[in-house]
N, C-alpha and C. Protein backbone atom coordinates (compact mmCIF):
# COMPACT_ATOMS: atom_id res chain seq x y z
N UNK A 1 0.99 -1.31 0.06
CA UNK A 1 0.00 0.09 0.07
C UNK A 1 0.79 1.28 0.02
N UNK A 2 0.64 2.13 -0.79
CA UNK A 2 1.30 3.31 -0.86
C UNK A 2 0.70 4.57 0.05
N UNK A 3 1.25 4.99 0.95
CA UNK A 3 1.17 5.90 1.84
C UNK A 3 0.71 7.35 1.20
N UNK A 4 -0.15 8.14 2.01
CA UNK A 4 -0.45 9.53 1.67
C UNK A 4 0.69 10.31 1.38
N UNK A 5 1.69 10.23 2.22
CA UNK A 5 2.91 11.08 2.20
C UNK A 5 3.48 10.79 0.91
N UNK A 6 3.63 9.58 0.61
CA UNK A 6 4.49 9.19 -0.75
C UNK A 6 3.66 9.51 -1.96
N UNK A 7 2.45 9.59 -2.14
CA UNK A 7 1.54 10.32 -2.99
C UNK A 7 1.75 11.60 -3.26
N UNK A 8 1.80 12.39 -1.93
CA UNK A 8 2.24 13.86 -1.98
C UNK A 8 3.52 14.15 -2.62
N UNK A 9 4.49 13.40 -2.09
CA UNK A 9 5.93 13.52 -2.49
C UNK A 9 5.77 13.39 -4.01
N UNK A 10 5.21 12.35 -4.60
CA UNK A 10 5.21 12.20 -6.05
C UNK A 10 4.69 13.32 -6.86
N UNK A 11 3.43 13.78 -6.29
CA UNK A 11 2.73 15.05 -6.89
C UNK A 11 3.42 16.11 -6.94
N UNK A 12 4.40 16.31 -5.67
CA UNK A 12 5.32 17.57 -5.82
C UNK A 12 6.22 17.56 -6.58
N UNK A 13 6.82 16.02 -7.12
CA UNK A 13 7.94 15.99 -8.27
C UNK A 13 7.52 16.66 -9.33
N UNK A 14 6.11 16.96 -9.60
CA UNK A 14 5.97 17.52 -11.07
C UNK A 14 6.58 19.02 -11.38
N UNK A 15 7.24 19.73 -10.08
CA UNK A 15 7.70 20.76 -10.20
C UNK A 15 9.25 20.77 -10.51
N UNK A 16 9.71 19.30 -10.47
CA UNK A 16 11.08 19.07 -10.92
C UNK A 16 10.96 18.50 -12.17
N UNK A 17 9.95 17.54 -12.49
CA UNK A 17 10.49 16.48 -13.63
C UNK A 17 9.20 16.80 -14.78
N UNK A 18 9.47 16.95 -15.91
CA UNK A 18 8.18 17.12 -16.87
C UNK A 18 7.62 15.79 -16.86
N UNK A 19 8.18 14.52 -16.82
CA UNK A 19 7.51 13.30 -16.90
C UNK A 19 7.44 12.64 -15.52
N UNK A 20 7.13 13.44 -14.59
CA UNK A 20 6.94 13.12 -13.10
C UNK A 20 6.01 11.97 -12.81
N UNK A 21 4.93 11.79 -13.77
CA UNK A 21 3.98 10.67 -13.46
C UNK A 21 4.82 9.25 -13.79
N UNK A 22 5.40 9.45 -15.18
CA UNK A 22 5.76 8.41 -15.75
C UNK A 22 7.01 7.68 -14.79
N UNK A 23 7.62 8.57 -14.31
CA UNK A 23 9.06 8.33 -13.39
C UNK A 23 8.66 7.77 -12.21
N UNK A 24 7.60 8.26 -11.87
CA UNK A 24 7.04 7.77 -10.31
C UNK A 24 6.59 6.42 -10.37
N UNK A 25 5.78 6.07 -11.60
CA UNK A 25 5.43 4.90 -11.77
C UNK A 25 6.54 3.75 -11.96
N UNK A 26 7.73 4.21 -12.88
CA UNK A 26 8.67 3.52 -12.91
C UNK A 26 9.27 3.17 -11.60
N UNK A 27 9.41 4.13 -10.81
CA UNK A 27 10.12 3.93 -9.44
C UNK A 27 9.31 3.04 -8.59
N UNK A 28 8.18 3.00 -8.62
CA UNK A 28 7.15 2.22 -8.00
C UNK A 28 7.40 0.80 -8.37
N UNK A 29 7.32 0.72 -9.56
CA UNK A 29 7.51 -0.74 -10.15
C UNK A 29 8.93 -1.35 -9.71
N UNK A 30 9.80 -0.46 -9.94
CA UNK A 30 11.09 -0.97 -9.48
C UNK A 30 11.20 -1.47 -8.02
N UNK A 31 10.71 -0.52 -7.12
CA UNK A 31 10.49 -0.65 -5.68
C UNK A 31 9.85 -1.99 -5.33
N UNK A 32 8.81 -2.25 -6.20
CA UNK A 32 8.13 -3.60 -5.81
C UNK A 32 8.72 -4.75 -6.44
N UNK A 33 9.83 -4.68 -7.22
CA UNK A 33 10.39 -5.64 -7.67
C UNK A 33 9.64 -6.11 -9.00
N UNK A 34 8.95 -5.44 -9.73
CA UNK A 34 8.30 -5.62 -11.01
C UNK A 34 8.90 -5.13 -12.32
N UNK A 35 10.21 -4.41 -11.93
CA UNK A 35 10.68 -3.84 -13.14
C UNK A 35 12.27 -3.71 -12.67
N UNK A 36 12.95 -3.43 -13.64
CA UNK A 36 14.52 -3.25 -13.17
C UNK A 36 15.00 -1.97 -14.03
N UNK A 37 16.13 -1.46 -13.74
CA UNK A 37 16.94 -0.59 -14.60
C UNK A 37 16.94 0.90 -13.93
N UNK A 38 17.09 1.86 -14.67
CA UNK A 38 17.11 3.08 -14.21
C UNK A 38 15.90 4.05 -14.60
N UNK A 39 15.82 5.08 -14.07
CA UNK A 39 14.68 6.07 -14.01
C UNK A 39 15.15 7.00 -14.86
N UNK A 40 14.34 7.17 -16.05
CA UNK A 40 14.50 8.33 -17.01
C UNK A 40 13.87 9.63 -16.56
N UNK A 41 14.36 10.82 -16.20
CA UNK A 41 13.64 12.01 -15.87
C UNK A 41 13.81 12.80 -16.96
N UNK A 42 12.89 13.77 -17.24
CA UNK A 42 12.98 14.80 -17.98
C UNK A 42 13.13 16.23 -17.42
N UNK A 43 14.07 16.98 -17.28
CA UNK A 43 13.86 18.36 -16.74
C UNK A 43 14.48 19.22 -17.57
N UNK A 44 13.89 20.41 -17.81
CA UNK A 44 14.15 21.24 -18.94
C UNK A 44 14.22 20.75 -20.44
N UNK A 45 15.03 20.83 -21.20
CA UNK A 45 15.26 20.21 -22.20
C UNK A 45 16.25 19.20 -22.40
N UNK A 46 16.48 18.52 -21.11
CA UNK A 46 17.38 17.45 -21.01
C UNK A 46 16.71 16.16 -20.36
N UNK A 47 17.32 15.18 -20.41
CA UNK A 47 16.90 13.87 -20.23
C UNK A 47 18.02 13.31 -19.17
N UNK A 48 17.70 12.73 -18.04
CA UNK A 48 18.68 12.33 -17.24
C UNK A 48 18.43 11.07 -16.60
N UNK A 49 19.24 9.80 -16.86
CA UNK A 49 19.06 8.55 -16.23
C UNK A 49 19.37 8.53 -14.63
N UNK A 50 18.67 8.10 -13.84
CA UNK A 50 19.09 7.95 -12.33
C UNK A 50 18.64 6.76 -11.72
N UNK A 51 19.49 6.16 -10.78
CA UNK A 51 19.01 5.10 -10.10
C UNK A 51 17.94 5.18 -9.20
N UNK A 52 17.11 4.28 -8.69
CA UNK A 52 15.93 4.43 -7.91
C UNK A 52 16.44 5.18 -6.64
N UNK A 53 17.37 4.80 -5.99
CA UNK A 53 17.66 5.60 -4.61
C UNK A 53 18.03 7.17 -4.97
N UNK A 54 18.47 7.38 -5.92
CA UNK A 54 18.97 8.95 -6.18
C UNK A 54 17.58 9.38 -6.51
N UNK A 55 16.77 9.07 -7.19
CA UNK A 55 15.38 9.52 -7.69
C UNK A 55 14.58 9.75 -6.23
N UNK A 56 14.48 8.84 -5.54
CA UNK A 56 13.74 8.88 -4.46
C UNK A 56 14.21 9.89 -3.42
N UNK A 57 15.67 9.88 -3.45
CA UNK A 57 16.32 11.05 -2.37
C UNK A 57 16.23 12.46 -2.99
N UNK A 58 15.99 12.55 -4.32
CA UNK A 58 15.70 13.95 -4.98
C UNK A 58 14.27 14.27 -4.60
N UNK A 59 13.34 13.38 -4.80
CA UNK A 59 11.91 13.71 -4.64
C UNK A 59 11.82 13.92 -3.25
N UNK A 60 11.89 13.04 -2.54
CA UNK A 60 11.71 13.35 -0.94
C UNK A 60 12.39 14.64 -0.38
N UNK A 61 13.60 14.77 -0.70
CA UNK A 61 14.21 16.11 -0.51
C UNK A 61 13.39 17.33 -0.88
N UNK A 62 13.02 17.35 -2.03
CA UNK A 62 12.05 18.54 -2.55
C UNK A 62 10.79 18.51 -1.70
N UNK A 63 10.33 17.47 -1.66
CA UNK A 63 8.93 17.27 -0.76
C UNK A 63 9.01 17.80 0.40
N UNK A 64 10.21 17.65 1.19
CA UNK A 64 10.13 17.97 2.45
C UNK A 64 10.94 19.65 2.71
N UNK A 65 10.99 20.16 1.38
CA UNK A 65 11.63 21.43 1.47
C UNK A 65 13.15 21.72 1.57
N UNK A 66 13.75 20.58 1.48
CA UNK A 66 15.39 20.79 1.53
C UNK A 66 16.01 20.93 0.20
N UNK A 67 15.23 20.73 -0.87
CA UNK A 67 15.78 20.95 -2.41
C UNK A 67 14.65 21.97 -3.11
N UNK A 68 15.02 22.90 -3.70
CA UNK A 68 14.16 23.70 -4.39
C UNK A 68 13.99 23.33 -5.69
N UNK A 69 15.15 23.20 -6.42
CA UNK A 69 15.43 23.06 -7.90
C UNK A 69 16.20 21.76 -8.18
N UNK A 70 16.24 21.16 -9.12
CA UNK A 70 17.00 20.06 -9.82
C UNK A 70 17.17 20.63 -11.07
N UNK A 71 18.31 20.33 -11.72
CA UNK A 71 18.97 20.71 -12.86
C UNK A 71 19.75 19.63 -13.67
N UNK A 72 19.21 19.19 -14.60
CA UNK A 72 20.06 18.00 -15.33
C UNK A 72 21.35 18.82 -16.27
N UNK A 73 22.50 18.06 -15.96
CA UNK A 73 23.64 18.52 -16.76
C UNK A 73 24.18 17.65 -17.48
N UNK A 74 25.31 17.85 -18.12
CA UNK A 74 25.90 16.89 -18.86
C UNK A 74 27.04 16.03 -18.08
N UNK A 75 27.08 16.18 -16.76
CA UNK A 75 27.84 15.30 -15.67
C UNK A 75 27.00 13.90 -15.30
N UNK A 76 25.70 13.91 -15.80
CA UNK A 76 24.78 12.98 -15.47
C UNK A 76 24.00 13.09 -14.37
């Protein structure tokens, strides 16, 4: 079962990523063991692959107010 706080964190990620819903679904599938691989996020005009732990850290940090912006750059 997904908690209300996790749903709120997912919804708040729409301010970070253009594909916030599909990235959140991919994270959930990986977290439940139904999928493998990296999560592709779109921010600005760039795409960035990240592992699920990094994705979760960024989304939760933003939701908690510790992170305001996220920028994809050429460093990955």
